[in-house]
Amino acid sequence: MSKKVAVVMGSDSDLDTMRPCIQRLQAFGIPAEVRIISAHRTPVAAEELASHAVENGFGVIIAAAGKAAHLAGVLAAYTTLPVIGVPIKTSMMGGLDSLLSMVQMPKGIPVACVAVDGADNAAILAAQMLALSDPTLTDKLVQFKARMAEEVAEKDCHIAEKL
């Protein structure tokens, strides 16, 4: 069985954005634990989750936050596990503020980062990381990519009919 993925959101308002991530992890059969932890309002909880993540069976942490989106970086500071940041779209800068908060990490504390509101890709990237030591998950990813290719080929066939 795959290791678990921690899906951590800075606020419950991030749930709608993160739902595709949770659903994609479930589709791959990856157990996920979903939490709401704020880097700024509950930093002790962030430290606790990240510093005990390995012993609690996690293989990857996905962190979603908006505005001053420091959650992924704070979690990365307390673990050796890969941390994937999902910048959340904001009303001020459309998510650019969140994106820059995640990708501009100091040397030694990397955070992988997907597109603004890129929750689905965060789950796929987590699956690819876990698949490095899980051949069953590798097979599921191969099938997933094959289905995507089939869908595009099907759309390619139908486009000629529409024109």
N, C-alpha and C. Protein backbone atom coordinates (compact mmCIF):
# COMPACT_ATOMS: atom_id res chain seq x y z
N MET A 1 0.84 -1.19 0.00
CA MET A 1 0.00 0.00 0.00
C MET A 1 0.88 1.25 0.00
N SER A 2 0.43 2.24 -0.70
CA SER A 2 1.15 3.50 -0.78
C SER A 2 1.20 4.19 0.57
N LYS A 3 2.19 5.02 0.71
CA LYS A 3 2.22 5.92 1.87
C LYS A 3 1.08 6.91 1.72
N LYS A 4 0.74 7.54 2.82
CA LYS A 4 -0.34 8.53 2.80
C LYS A 4 0.19 9.87 2.28
N VAL A 5 -0.75 10.71 1.87
CA VAL A 5 -0.44 12.09 1.50
C VAL A 5 -1.19 12.99 2.46
N ALA A 6 -0.50 13.95 3.02
CA ALA A 6 -1.14 14.97 3.83
C ALA A 6 -1.55 16.11 2.90
N VAL A 7 -2.83 16.45 2.91
CA VAL A 7 -3.34 17.58 2.15
C VAL A 7 -3.70 18.65 3.18
N VAL A 8 -2.91 19.71 3.20
CA VAL A 8 -3.05 20.72 4.24
C VAL A 8 -3.47 22.03 3.58
N MET A 9 -4.53 22.61 4.12
CA MET A 9 -5.04 23.88 3.60
C MET A 9 -4.92 24.93 4.68
N GLY A 10 -4.62 26.15 4.26
CA GLY A 10 -4.52 27.25 5.19
C GLY A 10 -5.85 27.72 5.72
N SER A 11 -6.93 27.39 5.02
CA SER A 11 -8.26 27.84 5.40
C SER A 11 -9.31 26.91 4.82
N ASP A 12 -10.47 26.82 5.46
CA ASP A 12 -11.53 26.00 4.90
C ASP A 12 -12.07 26.57 3.60
N SER A 13 -11.79 27.83 3.32
CA SER A 13 -12.22 28.42 2.04
C SER A 13 -11.43 27.84 0.87
N ASP A 14 -10.35 27.10 1.14
CA ASP A 14 -9.54 26.47 0.09
C ASP A 14 -10.09 25.11 -0.33
N LEU A 15 -11.10 24.61 0.38
CA LEU A 15 -11.57 23.26 0.12
C LEU A 15 -12.11 23.07 -1.30
N ASP A 16 -12.88 24.02 -1.80
CA ASP A 16 -13.41 23.86 -3.16
C ASP A 16 -12.30 23.74 -4.19
N THR A 17 -11.23 24.51 -4.00
CA THR A 17 -10.08 24.44 -4.91
C THR A 17 -9.35 23.12 -4.77
N MET A 18 -9.27 22.60 -3.56
CA MET A 18 -8.49 21.39 -3.30
C MET A 18 -9.27 20.09 -3.50
N ARG A 19 -10.57 20.19 -3.68
CA ARG A 19 -11.39 18.98 -3.86
C ARG A 19 -10.88 18.09 -5.01
N PRO A 20 -10.50 18.66 -6.19
CA PRO A 20 -9.97 17.79 -7.26
C PRO A 20 -8.70 17.04 -6.85
N CYS A 21 -7.91 17.64 -6.01
CA CYS A 21 -6.70 16.97 -5.51
C CYS A 21 -7.08 15.75 -4.68
N ILE A 22 -7.98 15.95 -3.78
CA ILE A 22 -8.42 14.86 -2.89
C ILE A 22 -9.07 13.76 -3.72
N GLN A 23 -9.90 14.12 -4.67
CA GLN A 23 -10.56 13.14 -5.52
C GLN A 23 -9.57 12.37 -6.39
N ARG A 24 -8.55 13.07 -6.91
CA ARG A 24 -7.54 12.40 -7.73
C ARG A 24 -6.73 11.42 -6.88
N LEU A 25 -6.36 11.80 -5.68
CA LEU A 25 -5.63 10.88 -4.80
C LEU A 25 -6.48 9.64 -4.53
N GLN A 26 -7.76 9.84 -4.26
CA GLN A 26 -8.68 8.71 -4.03
C GLN A 26 -8.76 7.82 -5.26
N ALA A 27 -8.81 8.43 -6.45
CA ALA A 27 -8.89 7.65 -7.70
C ALA A 27 -7.65 6.78 -7.89
N PHE A 28 -6.51 7.25 -7.43
CA PHE A 28 -5.28 6.47 -7.51
C PHE A 28 -5.15 5.48 -6.35
N GLY A 29 -6.10 5.52 -5.40
CA GLY A 29 -6.03 4.62 -4.25
C GLY A 29 -5.02 5.07 -3.21
N ILE A 30 -4.69 6.35 -3.21
CA ILE A 30 -3.72 6.88 -2.25
C ILE A 30 -4.47 7.44 -1.05
N PRO A 31 -4.18 6.92 0.13
CA PRO A 31 -4.85 7.47 1.32
C PRO A 31 -4.39 8.91 1.57
N ALA A 32 -5.35 9.75 1.90
CA ALA A 32 -5.04 11.15 2.16
C ALA A 32 -5.64 11.57 3.50
N GLU A 33 -4.89 12.36 4.20
CA GLU A 33 -5.40 12.97 5.43
C GLU A 33 -5.50 14.47 5.15
N VAL A 34 -6.69 15.02 5.31
CA VAL A 34 -6.93 16.42 4.99
C VAL A 34 -6.99 17.21 6.28
N ARG A 35 -6.22 18.30 6.32
CA ARG A 35 -6.15 19.13 7.53
C ARG A 35 -6.27 20.61 7.16
N ILE A 36 -6.69 21.42 8.12
CA ILE A 36 -6.64 22.87 8.01
C ILE A 36 -5.68 23.35 9.08
N ILE A 37 -4.57 23.91 8.60
CA ILE A 37 -3.52 24.42 9.49
C ILE A 37 -3.02 25.72 8.89
N SER A 38 -2.91 26.74 9.70
CA SER A 38 -2.42 28.03 9.23
C SER A 38 -0.97 28.21 9.63
N ALA A 39 -0.16 28.59 8.66
CA ALA A 39 1.25 28.86 8.96
C ALA A 39 1.41 29.98 9.97
N HIS A 40 0.48 30.91 9.96
CA HIS A 40 0.60 32.10 10.81
C HIS A 40 -0.22 32.01 12.09
N ARG A 41 -1.40 31.40 12.01
CA ARG A 41 -2.27 31.35 13.19
C ARG A 41 -2.10 30.09 14.02
N THR A 42 -1.62 29.00 13.41
CA THR A 42 -1.37 27.76 14.15
C THR A 42 -0.01 27.17 13.78
N PRO A 43 1.06 27.93 13.97
CA PRO A 43 2.38 27.44 13.57
C PRO A 43 2.84 26.20 14.34
N VAL A 44 2.41 26.05 15.56
CA VAL A 44 2.80 24.86 16.33
C VAL A 44 2.17 23.61 15.71
N ALA A 45 0.94 23.71 15.26
CA ALA A 45 0.28 22.58 14.60
C ALA A 45 1.00 22.24 13.29
N ALA A 46 1.45 23.26 12.56
CA ALA A 46 2.20 23.03 11.32
C ALA A 46 3.51 22.29 11.62
N GLU A 47 4.21 22.75 12.63
CA GLU A 47 5.46 22.08 13.02
C GLU A 47 5.20 20.64 13.44
N GLU A 48 4.17 20.44 14.23
CA GLU A 48 3.82 19.10 14.72
C GLU A 48 3.53 18.16 13.55
N LEU A 49 2.68 18.58 12.62
CA LEU A 49 2.34 17.73 11.48
C LEU A 49 3.59 17.38 10.68
N ALA A 50 4.36 18.39 10.32
CA ALA A 50 5.51 18.15 9.44
C ALA A 50 6.62 17.37 10.13
N SER A 51 6.91 17.67 11.37
CA SER A 51 8.03 17.01 12.05
C SER A 51 7.73 15.55 12.37
N HIS A 52 6.46 15.16 12.40
CA HIS A 52 6.09 13.77 12.66
C HIS A 52 5.50 13.06 11.44
N ALA A 53 5.58 13.70 10.28
CA ALA A 53 4.94 13.16 9.08
C ALA A 53 5.51 11.81 8.66
N VAL A 54 6.81 11.65 8.70
CA VAL A 54 7.42 10.38 8.29
C VAL A 54 6.95 9.27 9.21
N GLU A 55 7.06 9.47 10.52
CA GLU A 55 6.68 8.41 11.46
C GLU A 55 5.17 8.13 11.42
N ASN A 56 4.39 9.09 10.93
CA ASN A 56 2.95 8.88 10.81
C ASN A 56 2.53 8.31 9.46
N GLY A 57 3.51 7.88 8.64
CA GLY A 57 3.21 7.16 7.41
C GLY A 57 2.98 8.00 6.18
N PHE A 58 3.33 9.28 6.23
CA PHE A 58 3.17 10.12 5.05
C PHE A 58 4.38 10.00 4.14
N GLY A 59 4.14 10.15 2.84
CA GLY A 59 5.22 10.13 1.86
C GLY A 59 5.39 11.46 1.15
N VAL A 60 4.34 12.27 1.14
CA VAL A 60 4.34 13.57 0.48
C VAL A 60 3.36 14.46 1.25
N ILE A 61 3.68 15.75 1.27
CA ILE A 61 2.77 16.74 1.84
C ILE A 61 2.37 17.69 0.73
N ILE A 62 1.08 17.94 0.59
CA ILE A 62 0.57 18.95 -0.34
C ILE A 62 0.01 20.08 0.52
N ALA A 63 0.46 21.30 0.25
CA ALA A 63 0.04 22.45 1.05
C ALA A 63 -0.56 23.52 0.15
N ALA A 64 -1.79 23.91 0.47
CA ALA A 64 -2.49 24.93 -0.31
C ALA A 64 -2.72 26.16 0.54
N ALA A 65 -2.38 27.32 -0.02
CA ALA A 65 -2.59 28.57 0.71
C ALA A 65 -2.64 29.72 -0.27
N GLY A 66 -3.25 30.80 0.19
CA GLY A 66 -3.34 32.01 -0.62
C GLY A 66 -2.68 33.19 0.07
N LYS A 67 -2.58 34.28 -0.66
CA LYS A 67 -1.98 35.54 -0.20
C LYS A 67 -0.55 35.32 0.28
N ALA A 68 -0.25 35.60 1.54
CA ALA A 68 1.09 35.35 2.09
C ALA A 68 1.19 33.85 2.34
N ALA A 69 1.35 33.10 1.28
CA ALA A 69 1.20 31.65 1.28
C ALA A 69 2.45 30.95 1.79
N HIS A 70 2.68 31.02 3.08
CA HIS A 70 3.89 30.47 3.67
C HIS A 70 3.73 29.05 4.17
N LEU A 71 2.52 28.49 4.08
CA LEU A 71 2.27 27.18 4.65
C LEU A 71 3.21 26.11 4.11
N ALA A 72 3.36 26.02 2.80
CA ALA A 72 4.22 24.99 2.22
C ALA A 72 5.66 25.14 2.71
N GLY A 73 6.16 26.36 2.77
CA GLY A 73 7.52 26.59 3.23
C GLY A 73 7.72 26.26 4.69
N VAL A 74 6.74 26.60 5.52
CA VAL A 74 6.84 26.28 6.95
C VAL A 74 6.85 24.76 7.12
N LEU A 75 5.97 24.06 6.41
CA LEU A 75 5.95 22.60 6.51
C LEU A 75 7.27 22.01 6.02
N ALA A 76 7.79 22.53 4.91
CA ALA A 76 9.06 22.03 4.36
C ALA A 76 10.22 22.23 5.32
N ALA A 77 10.15 23.26 6.14
CA ALA A 77 11.22 23.53 7.09
C ALA A 77 11.34 22.45 8.16
N TYR A 78 10.25 21.72 8.39
CA TYR A 78 10.21 20.75 9.48
C TYR A 78 10.20 19.29 9.03
N THR A 79 10.45 19.04 7.74
CA THR A 79 10.42 17.66 7.25
C THR A 79 11.44 17.47 6.13
N THR A 80 11.77 16.21 5.89
CA THR A 80 12.59 15.86 4.74
C THR A 80 11.73 15.33 3.59
N LEU A 81 10.43 15.22 3.83
CA LEU A 81 9.53 14.76 2.77
C LEU A 81 9.37 15.84 1.70
N PRO A 82 9.04 15.42 0.48
CA PRO A 82 8.72 16.42 -0.54
C PRO A 82 7.43 17.15 -0.17
N VAL A 83 7.45 18.45 -0.37
CA VAL A 83 6.28 19.29 -0.13
C VAL A 83 5.91 19.94 -1.46
N ILE A 84 4.63 19.80 -1.82
CA ILE A 84 4.11 20.38 -3.05
C ILE A 84 3.19 21.53 -2.66
N GLY A 85 3.47 22.70 -3.18
CA GLY A 85 2.64 23.86 -2.90
C GLY A 85 1.58 24.07 -3.97
N VAL A 86 0.38 24.40 -3.53
CA VAL A 86 -0.70 24.78 -4.44
C VAL A 86 -1.07 26.22 -4.11
N PRO A 87 -0.62 27.16 -4.93
CA PRO A 87 -1.00 28.55 -4.68
C PRO A 87 -2.48 28.76 -5.01
N ILE A 88 -3.17 29.41 -4.11
CA ILE A 88 -4.60 29.64 -4.27
C ILE A 88 -4.83 31.02 -4.88
N LYS A 89 -5.74 31.07 -5.85
CA LYS A 89 -6.09 32.33 -6.50
C LYS A 89 -6.64 33.31 -5.46
N THR A 90 -6.22 34.56 -5.56
CA THR A 90 -6.68 35.59 -4.63
C THR A 90 -7.34 36.72 -5.40
N SER A 91 -8.07 37.54 -4.66
CA SER A 91 -8.74 38.67 -5.30
C SER A 91 -7.78 39.81 -5.61
N MET A 92 -6.67 39.88 -4.86
CA MET A 92 -5.74 40.99 -5.07
C MET A 92 -4.88 40.85 -6.32
N MET A 93 -4.23 39.72 -6.45
CA MET A 93 -3.27 39.56 -7.54
C MET A 93 -3.53 38.30 -8.36
N GLY A 94 -4.72 37.74 -8.23
CA GLY A 94 -5.07 36.57 -9.01
C GLY A 94 -4.27 35.32 -8.68
N GLY A 95 -3.59 35.32 -7.56
CA GLY A 95 -2.80 34.17 -7.15
C GLY A 95 -1.31 34.34 -7.36
N LEU A 96 -0.92 35.41 -8.06
CA LEU A 96 0.52 35.65 -8.25
C LEU A 96 1.21 35.84 -6.90
N ASP A 97 0.54 36.50 -5.96
CA ASP A 97 1.11 36.67 -4.63
C ASP A 97 1.34 35.31 -3.97
N SER A 98 0.39 34.41 -4.08
CA SER A 98 0.51 33.07 -3.51
C SER A 98 1.63 32.29 -4.18
N LEU A 99 1.66 32.36 -5.50
CA LEU A 99 2.67 31.65 -6.27
C LEU A 99 4.07 32.09 -5.87
N LEU A 100 4.30 33.39 -5.82
CA LEU A 100 5.63 33.88 -5.48
C LEU A 100 6.02 33.52 -4.05
N SER A 101 5.04 33.52 -3.15
CA SER A 101 5.33 33.13 -1.76
C SER A 101 5.83 31.69 -1.69
N MET A 102 5.38 30.85 -2.60
CA MET A 102 5.77 29.44 -2.58
C MET A 102 7.05 29.14 -3.33
N VAL A 103 7.22 29.76 -4.48
CA VAL A 103 8.37 29.39 -5.31
C VAL A 103 9.66 30.10 -4.90
N GLN A 104 9.57 31.19 -4.19
CA GLN A 104 10.77 31.94 -3.80
C GLN A 104 11.30 31.47 -2.45
N MET A 105 11.55 30.17 -2.35
CA MET A 105 12.04 29.59 -1.09
C MET A 105 13.55 29.75 -0.99
N PRO A 106 14.04 29.89 0.24
CA PRO A 106 15.49 30.02 0.42
C PRO A 106 16.20 28.69 0.16
N LYS A 107 17.46 28.78 -0.14
CA LYS A 107 18.30 27.61 -0.38
C LYS A 107 18.18 26.63 0.78
N GLY A 108 17.98 25.38 0.45
CA GLY A 108 17.92 24.33 1.45
C GLY A 108 16.52 23.95 1.89
N ILE A 109 15.52 24.74 1.54
CA ILE A 109 14.12 24.45 1.90
C ILE A 109 13.28 24.48 0.63
N PRO A 110 13.42 23.46 -0.24
CA PRO A 110 12.67 23.49 -1.50
C PRO A 110 11.20 23.16 -1.31
N VAL A 111 10.40 23.77 -2.15
CA VAL A 111 8.97 23.46 -2.26
C VAL A 111 8.68 23.30 -3.75
N ALA A 112 8.17 22.13 -4.13
CA ALA A 112 7.70 21.97 -5.50
C ALA A 112 6.40 22.75 -5.60
N CYS A 113 6.13 23.33 -6.74
CA CYS A 113 4.95 24.19 -6.83
C CYS A 113 4.25 23.96 -8.17
N VAL A 114 2.94 23.82 -8.09
CA VAL A 114 2.13 23.67 -9.29
C VAL A 114 1.49 25.02 -9.62
N ALA A 115 0.71 25.07 -10.65
CA ALA A 115 0.06 26.30 -11.09
C ALA A 115 -0.93 26.81 -10.04
N VAL A 116 -1.28 28.07 -10.16
CA VAL A 116 -2.31 28.64 -9.31
C VAL A 116 -3.59 27.81 -9.46
N ASP A 117 -4.14 27.37 -8.35
CA ASP A 117 -5.31 26.50 -8.29
C ASP A 117 -5.07 25.15 -8.98
N GLY A 118 -3.83 24.73 -9.07
CA GLY A 118 -3.47 23.48 -9.76
C GLY A 118 -3.56 22.25 -8.88
N ALA A 119 -4.66 22.10 -8.18
CA ALA A 119 -4.82 21.01 -7.22
C ALA A 119 -4.71 19.63 -7.84
N ASP A 120 -5.31 19.44 -9.01
CA ASP A 120 -5.27 18.14 -9.66
C ASP A 120 -3.83 17.75 -9.99
N ASN A 121 -3.06 18.70 -10.51
CA ASN A 121 -1.65 18.40 -10.81
C ASN A 121 -0.85 18.11 -9.56
N ALA A 122 -1.20 18.72 -8.44
CA ALA A 122 -0.50 18.43 -7.19
C ALA A 122 -0.69 16.96 -6.82
N ALA A 123 -1.90 16.45 -6.98
CA ALA A 123 -2.16 15.04 -6.68
C ALA A 123 -1.41 14.13 -7.64
N ILE A 124 -1.38 14.48 -8.91
CA ILE A 124 -0.66 13.66 -9.89
C ILE A 124 0.83 13.66 -9.59
N LEU A 125 1.38 14.82 -9.26
CA LEU A 125 2.81 14.90 -8.91
C LEU A 125 3.10 14.08 -7.65
N ALA A 126 2.24 14.15 -6.65
CA ALA A 126 2.42 13.35 -5.44
C ALA A 126 2.40 11.86 -5.80
N ALA A 127 1.47 11.47 -6.66
CA ALA A 127 1.39 10.07 -7.09
C ALA A 127 2.68 9.65 -7.80
N GLN A 128 3.22 10.52 -8.64
CA GLN A 128 4.46 10.19 -9.34
C GLN A 128 5.61 10.03 -8.36
N MET A 129 5.64 10.85 -7.33
CA MET A 129 6.70 10.73 -6.30
C MET A 129 6.56 9.41 -5.56
N LEU A 130 5.35 9.07 -5.15
CA LEU A 130 5.13 7.83 -4.42
C LEU A 130 5.36 6.61 -5.30
N ALA A 131 5.10 6.75 -6.60
CA ALA A 131 5.27 5.63 -7.53
C ALA A 131 6.73 5.21 -7.68
N LEU A 132 7.65 6.04 -7.28
CA LEU A 132 9.06 5.67 -7.35
C LEU A 132 9.36 4.40 -6.56
N SER A 133 8.55 4.12 -5.54
CA SER A 133 8.75 2.91 -4.74
C SER A 133 7.48 2.05 -4.69
N ASP A 134 6.58 2.25 -5.63
CA ASP A 134 5.31 1.51 -5.63
C ASP A 134 4.93 1.16 -7.06
N PRO A 135 5.29 -0.06 -7.51
CA PRO A 135 5.00 -0.46 -8.90
C PRO A 135 3.51 -0.47 -9.24
N THR A 136 2.66 -0.76 -8.29
CA THR A 136 1.22 -0.76 -8.54
C THR A 136 0.75 0.65 -8.88
N LEU A 137 1.26 1.61 -8.16
CA LEU A 137 0.92 3.00 -8.43
C LEU A 137 1.49 3.44 -9.78
N THR A 138 2.68 2.96 -10.11
CA THR A 138 3.26 3.25 -11.42
C THR A 138 2.32 2.76 -12.52
N ASP A 139 1.78 1.55 -12.37
CA ASP A 139 0.84 1.01 -13.36
C ASP A 139 -0.41 1.89 -13.48
N LYS A 140 -0.91 2.37 -12.34
CA LYS A 140 -2.09 3.24 -12.37
C LYS A 140 -1.79 4.54 -13.10
N LEU A 141 -0.59 5.07 -12.92
CA LEU A 141 -0.20 6.30 -13.62
C LEU A 141 -0.07 6.07 -15.12
N VAL A 142 0.49 4.93 -15.49
CA VAL A 142 0.60 4.58 -16.92
C VAL A 142 -0.79 4.50 -17.54
N GLN A 143 -1.73 3.85 -16.86
CA GLN A 143 -3.10 3.75 -17.36
C GLN A 143 -3.76 5.13 -17.43
N PHE A 144 -3.53 5.95 -16.44
CA PHE A 144 -4.09 7.30 -16.41
C PHE A 144 -3.61 8.10 -17.62
N LYS A 145 -2.30 8.06 -17.88
CA LYS A 145 -1.76 8.81 -19.01
C LYS A 145 -2.25 8.24 -20.34
N ALA A 146 -2.42 6.93 -20.41
CA ALA A 146 -2.95 6.32 -21.64
C ALA A 146 -4.39 6.78 -21.88
N ARG A 147 -5.20 6.85 -20.81
CA ARG A 147 -6.58 7.33 -20.96
C ARG A 147 -6.59 8.78 -21.43
N MET A 148 -5.70 9.59 -20.89
CA MET A 148 -5.64 10.99 -21.34
C MET A 148 -5.32 11.05 -22.83
N ALA A 149 -4.37 10.25 -23.27
CA ALA A 149 -3.99 10.23 -24.69
C ALA A 149 -5.17 9.78 -25.56
N GLU A 150 -5.90 8.77 -25.08
CA GLU A 150 -7.07 8.29 -25.82
C GLU A 150 -8.13 9.38 -25.94
N GLU A 151 -8.35 10.12 -24.86
CA GLU A 151 -9.34 11.20 -24.88
C GLU A 151 -8.96 12.29 -25.89
N VAL A 152 -7.69 12.61 -25.96
CA VAL A 152 -7.24 13.62 -26.92
C VAL A 152 -7.40 13.10 -28.34
N ALA A 153 -7.03 11.84 -28.56
CA ALA A 153 -7.16 11.25 -29.89
C ALA A 153 -8.63 11.23 -30.33
N GLU A 154 -9.51 10.93 -29.39
CA GLU A 154 -10.94 10.92 -29.69
C GLU A 154 -11.43 12.32 -30.07
N LYS A 155 -11.00 13.31 -29.33
CA LYS A 155 -11.37 14.70 -29.62
C LYS A 155 -10.81 15.12 -30.98
N ASP A 156 -9.61 14.62 -31.29
CA ASP A 156 -8.99 14.93 -32.58
C ASP A 156 -9.85 14.38 -33.72
N CYS A 157 -10.36 13.18 -33.55
CA CYS A 157 -11.22 12.58 -34.58
C CYS A 157 -12.51 13.36 -34.76
N HIS A 158 -13.08 13.83 -33.65
CA HIS A 158 -14.37 14.52 -33.69
C HIS A 158 -14.26 15.97 -34.16
N ILE A 159 -13.11 16.57 -34.06
CA ILE A 159 -12.98 17.98 -34.45
C ILE A 159 -13.22 18.15 -35.95
N ALA A 160 -12.78 17.18 -36.72
CA ALA A 160 -12.97 17.25 -38.18
C ALA A 160 -14.45 17.21 -38.54
N GLU A 161 -15.23 16.48 -37.74
CA GLU A 161 -16.67 16.39 -37.99
C GLU A 161 -17.37 17.71 -37.72
N LYS A 162 -16.84 18.51 -36.82
CA LYS A 162 -17.47 19.78 -36.44
C LYS A 162 -17.14 20.90 -37.42
N LEU A 163 -16.10 20.72 -38.18
CA LEU A 163 -15.68 21.80 -39.08
C LEU A 163 -16.15 21.62 -40.49
